[in-house]
């Protein structure tokens, strides 16, 4: 293998490793988001992206207000049930 061929092969391997690393990182972010949603922790970052994309004329809630509103929506609407 020539020197140039070896360099190109090394570059391809590096690009493949970077691409794989990015995919693993994205999978980790999705997994973390799923766990947060399973235990009821709202995703403020997703809310901010949604507000910027679909409601640019409205100011988003602060994190504290967002968290309080999500907790109220999840736990406050129950009517006399024990479970």
N, C-alpha and C. Protein backbone atom coordinates (compact mmCIF):
# COMPACT_ATOMS: atom_id res chain seq x y z
N UNK A 1 0.86 -1.17 0.00
CA UNK A 1 0.00 0.00 0.00
C UNK A 1 0.91 1.23 0.00
N UNK A 2 0.56 2.18 -0.80
CA UNK A 2 1.37 3.39 -0.88
C UNK A 2 1.09 4.29 0.32
N UNK A 3 1.95 5.26 0.48
CA UNK A 3 1.78 6.21 1.58
C UNK A 3 0.47 6.96 1.45
N UNK A 4 0.16 7.39 0.21
CA UNK A 4 -1.09 8.13 -0.03
C UNK A 4 -2.29 7.23 0.25
N UNK A 5 -2.20 5.97 -0.18
CA UNK A 5 -3.30 5.03 0.09
C UNK A 5 -3.51 4.82 1.57
N UNK A 6 -2.42 4.72 2.32
CA UNK A 6 -2.52 4.56 3.77
C UNK A 6 -3.14 5.78 4.44
N UNK A 7 -2.78 6.99 3.95
CA UNK A 7 -3.36 8.22 4.52
C UNK A 7 -4.86 8.30 4.25
N UNK A 8 -5.24 7.95 3.01
CA UNK A 8 -6.67 8.00 2.67
C UNK A 8 -7.46 6.99 3.49
N UNK A 9 -6.88 5.80 3.67
CA UNK A 9 -7.54 4.77 4.47
C UNK A 9 -7.70 5.24 5.92
N UNK A 10 -6.67 5.89 6.45
CA UNK A 10 -6.74 6.43 7.81
C UNK A 10 -7.79 7.52 7.95
N UNK A 11 -7.91 8.35 6.92
CA UNK A 11 -8.93 9.41 6.95
C UNK A 11 -10.33 8.82 6.93
N UNK A 12 -10.50 7.77 6.10
CA UNK A 12 -11.83 7.12 6.05
C UNK A 12 -12.18 6.49 7.39
N UNK A 13 -11.21 5.86 8.00
CA UNK A 13 -11.46 5.24 9.31
C UNK A 13 -11.78 6.30 10.35
N UNK A 14 -11.08 7.43 10.31
CA UNK A 14 -11.37 8.52 11.25
C UNK A 14 -12.76 9.09 11.05
N UNK A 15 -13.14 9.26 9.77
CA UNK A 15 -14.48 9.78 9.47
C UNK A 15 -15.56 8.81 9.94
N UNK A 16 -15.30 7.52 9.72
CA UNK A 16 -16.26 6.50 10.17
C UNK A 16 -16.39 6.52 11.69
N UNK A 17 -15.29 6.64 12.39
CA UNK A 17 -15.32 6.67 13.85
C UNK A 17 -16.05 7.91 14.35
N UNK A 18 -15.83 9.05 13.71
CA UNK A 18 -16.54 10.28 14.12
C UNK A 18 -18.03 10.13 13.88
N UNK A 19 -18.40 9.57 12.71
CA UNK A 19 -19.82 9.37 12.41
C UNK A 19 -20.48 8.43 13.41
N UNK A 20 -19.78 7.36 13.74
CA UNK A 20 -20.30 6.41 14.72
C UNK A 20 -20.43 7.07 16.09
N UNK A 21 -19.44 7.85 16.46
CA UNK A 21 -19.49 8.56 17.75
C UNK A 21 -20.66 9.51 17.82
N UNK A 22 -20.95 10.20 16.71
CA UNK A 22 -22.09 11.12 16.69
C UNK A 22 -23.40 10.35 16.82
N UNK A 23 -23.50 9.20 16.15
CA UNK A 23 -24.72 8.40 16.25
C UNK A 23 -24.93 7.85 17.66
N UNK A 24 -23.86 7.42 18.28
CA UNK A 24 -23.96 6.92 19.66
C UNK A 24 -24.37 8.06 20.59
N UNK A 25 -23.80 9.24 20.38
CA UNK A 25 -24.17 10.40 21.20
C UNK A 25 -25.63 10.76 21.04
N UNK A 26 -26.13 10.73 19.80
CA UNK A 26 -27.55 11.03 19.55
C UNK A 26 -28.44 9.98 20.20
N UNK A 27 -28.05 8.72 20.10
CA UNK A 27 -28.83 7.65 20.74
C UNK A 27 -28.87 7.86 22.25
N UNK A 28 -27.76 8.26 22.83
CA UNK A 28 -27.72 8.53 24.27
C UNK A 28 -28.65 9.67 24.66
N UNK A 29 -28.69 10.71 23.84
CA UNK A 29 -29.59 11.83 24.13
C UNK A 29 -31.05 11.40 24.07
N UNK A 30 -31.39 10.59 23.05
CA UNK A 30 -32.77 10.08 22.94
C UNK A 30 -33.12 9.20 24.13
N UNK A 31 -32.19 8.36 24.54
CA UNK A 31 -32.42 7.48 25.67
C UNK A 31 -32.64 8.28 26.95
N UNK A 32 -31.81 9.30 27.16
CA UNK A 32 -31.96 10.14 28.36
C UNK A 32 -33.30 10.87 28.33
N UNK A 33 -33.69 11.38 27.17
CA UNK A 33 -34.98 12.06 27.06
C UNK A 33 -36.12 11.08 27.36
N UNK A 34 -36.02 9.85 26.86
CA UNK A 34 -37.06 8.86 27.13
C UNK A 34 -37.17 8.55 28.61
N UNK A 35 -36.04 8.39 29.28
CA UNK A 35 -36.07 8.12 30.72
C UNK A 35 -36.70 9.29 31.48
N UNK A 36 -36.35 10.51 31.10
CA UNK A 36 -36.93 11.67 31.78
C UNK A 36 -38.44 11.70 31.60
N UNK A 37 -38.91 11.42 30.40
CA UNK A 37 -40.35 11.42 30.15
C UNK A 37 -41.05 10.28 30.90
N UNK A 38 -40.38 9.14 31.03
CA UNK A 38 -40.98 8.01 31.76
C UNK A 38 -41.21 8.33 33.23
N UNK A 39 -40.31 9.09 33.82
CA UNK A 39 -40.46 9.41 35.24
C UNK A 39 -41.14 10.76 35.46
N UNK A 40 -41.54 11.41 34.38
CA UNK A 40 -42.32 12.62 34.50
C UNK A 40 -41.54 13.92 34.57
N UNK A 41 -40.28 13.91 34.18
CA UNK A 41 -39.51 15.16 34.15
C UNK A 41 -39.70 15.78 32.77
N UNK A 42 -40.29 16.95 32.69
CA UNK A 42 -40.55 17.56 31.39
C UNK A 42 -39.26 18.02 30.72
N UNK A 43 -39.28 18.10 29.39
CA UNK A 43 -38.11 18.49 28.61
C UNK A 43 -38.23 19.95 28.20
N UNK A 44 -37.58 20.81 28.95
CA UNK A 44 -37.66 22.25 28.72
C UNK A 44 -37.02 22.64 27.38
N UNK A 45 -35.93 21.98 27.00
CA UNK A 45 -35.26 22.30 25.74
C UNK A 45 -36.18 22.06 24.54
N UNK A 46 -36.92 20.95 24.56
CA UNK A 46 -37.86 20.66 23.48
C UNK A 46 -38.97 21.70 23.47
N UNK A 47 -39.43 22.10 24.62
CA UNK A 47 -40.46 23.14 24.72
C UNK A 47 -39.97 24.45 24.09
N UNK A 48 -38.73 24.83 24.40
CA UNK A 48 -38.18 26.07 23.85
C UNK A 48 -38.08 26.00 22.32
N UNK A 49 -37.64 24.86 21.80
CA UNK A 49 -37.56 24.70 20.34
C UNK A 49 -38.94 24.79 19.71
N UNK A 50 -39.92 24.16 20.35
CA UNK A 50 -41.30 24.20 19.85
C UNK A 50 -41.82 25.64 19.84
N UNK A 51 -41.59 26.36 20.92
CA UNK A 51 -42.08 27.74 20.99
C UNK A 51 -41.42 28.61 19.91
N UNK A 52 -40.12 28.44 19.71
CA UNK A 52 -39.42 29.24 18.69
C UNK A 52 -39.91 28.91 17.29
N UNK A 53 -40.21 27.64 17.03
CA UNK A 53 -40.62 27.22 15.70
C UNK A 53 -42.08 27.53 15.39
N UNK A 54 -42.96 27.38 16.37
CA UNK A 54 -44.40 27.48 16.09
C UNK A 54 -45.08 28.70 16.69
N UNK A 55 -44.48 29.30 17.69
CA UNK A 55 -45.07 30.47 18.34
C UNK A 55 -44.02 31.56 18.55
N UNK A 56 -43.38 32.03 17.48
CA UNK A 56 -42.28 32.99 17.67
C UNK A 56 -42.73 34.33 18.25
N UNK A 57 -44.02 34.62 18.17
CA UNK A 57 -44.53 35.89 18.70
C UNK A 57 -44.80 35.84 20.20
N UNK A 58 -44.76 34.65 20.81
CA UNK A 58 -45.03 34.50 22.23
C UNK A 58 -43.74 34.25 23.01
N UNK A 59 -43.65 34.85 24.17
CA UNK A 59 -42.49 34.62 25.03
C UNK A 59 -42.65 33.26 25.73
N UNK A 60 -41.62 32.42 25.75
CA UNK A 60 -41.74 31.13 26.44
C UNK A 60 -41.75 31.32 27.95
N UNK A 61 -42.31 30.35 28.64
CA UNK A 61 -42.33 30.38 30.10
C UNK A 61 -40.91 30.19 30.63
N UNK A 62 -40.67 30.67 31.84
CA UNK A 62 -39.41 30.39 32.50
C UNK A 62 -39.39 28.90 32.84
N UNK A 63 -38.21 28.36 33.16
CA UNK A 63 -38.12 26.94 33.51
C UNK A 63 -39.01 26.63 34.70
N UNK A 64 -38.99 27.50 35.69
CA UNK A 64 -39.79 27.26 36.90
C UNK A 64 -41.28 27.22 36.57
N UNK A 65 -41.75 28.18 35.75
CA UNK A 65 -43.16 28.19 35.37
C UNK A 65 -43.52 26.97 34.53
N UNK A 66 -42.62 26.61 33.61
CA UNK A 66 -42.84 25.44 32.76
C UNK A 66 -42.95 24.18 33.61
N UNK A 67 -42.02 24.01 34.54
CA UNK A 67 -42.02 22.83 35.39
C UNK A 67 -43.30 22.77 36.23
N UNK A 68 -43.68 23.90 36.81
CA UNK A 68 -44.89 23.96 37.64
C UNK A 68 -46.13 23.62 36.80
N UNK A 69 -46.21 24.16 35.59
CA UNK A 69 -47.36 23.91 34.72
C UNK A 69 -47.43 22.43 34.33
N UNK A 70 -46.30 21.82 34.03
CA UNK A 70 -46.26 20.40 33.67
C UNK A 70 -46.64 19.52 34.85
N UNK A 71 -46.18 19.88 36.05
CA UNK A 71 -46.54 19.12 37.24
C UNK A 71 -48.03 19.22 37.51
N UNK A 72 -48.58 20.40 37.36
CA UNK A 72 -50.02 20.60 37.56
C UNK A 72 -50.82 19.81 36.53
N UNK A 73 -50.37 19.82 35.28
CA UNK A 73 -51.07 19.08 34.23
C UNK A 73 -51.02 17.58 34.50
N UNK A 74 -49.91 17.12 35.05
CA UNK A 74 -49.77 15.69 35.28
C UNK A 74 -50.49 15.22 36.54
N UNK A 75 -50.35 15.96 37.62
CA UNK A 75 -50.87 15.49 38.91
C UNK A 75 -52.10 16.24 39.42
N UNK A 76 -52.38 17.40 38.90
CA UNK A 76 -53.44 18.23 39.46
C UNK A 76 -54.83 17.95 38.94
N UNK A 77 -54.96 17.18 37.86
CA UNK A 77 -56.26 17.00 37.24
C UNK A 77 -57.00 15.77 37.76
N UNK A 78 -56.47 15.08 38.72
CA UNK A 78 -57.11 13.86 39.21
C UNK A 78 -58.30 14.21 40.09
N UNK A 79 -59.33 13.41 39.97
CA UNK A 79 -60.56 13.70 40.71
C UNK A 79 -60.92 12.52 41.61
N UNK A 80 -60.40 12.53 42.81
CA UNK A 80 -60.81 11.58 43.82
C UNK A 80 -60.39 10.14 43.64
N UNK A 81 -59.49 9.87 42.74
CA UNK A 81 -59.03 8.49 42.59
C UNK A 81 -57.82 8.27 43.50
N UNK A 82 -57.69 7.07 44.01
CA UNK A 82 -56.57 6.80 44.89
C UNK A 82 -55.32 6.41 44.11
N UNK A 83 -55.46 5.97 42.87
CA UNK A 83 -54.29 5.50 42.09
C UNK A 83 -54.24 6.17 40.73
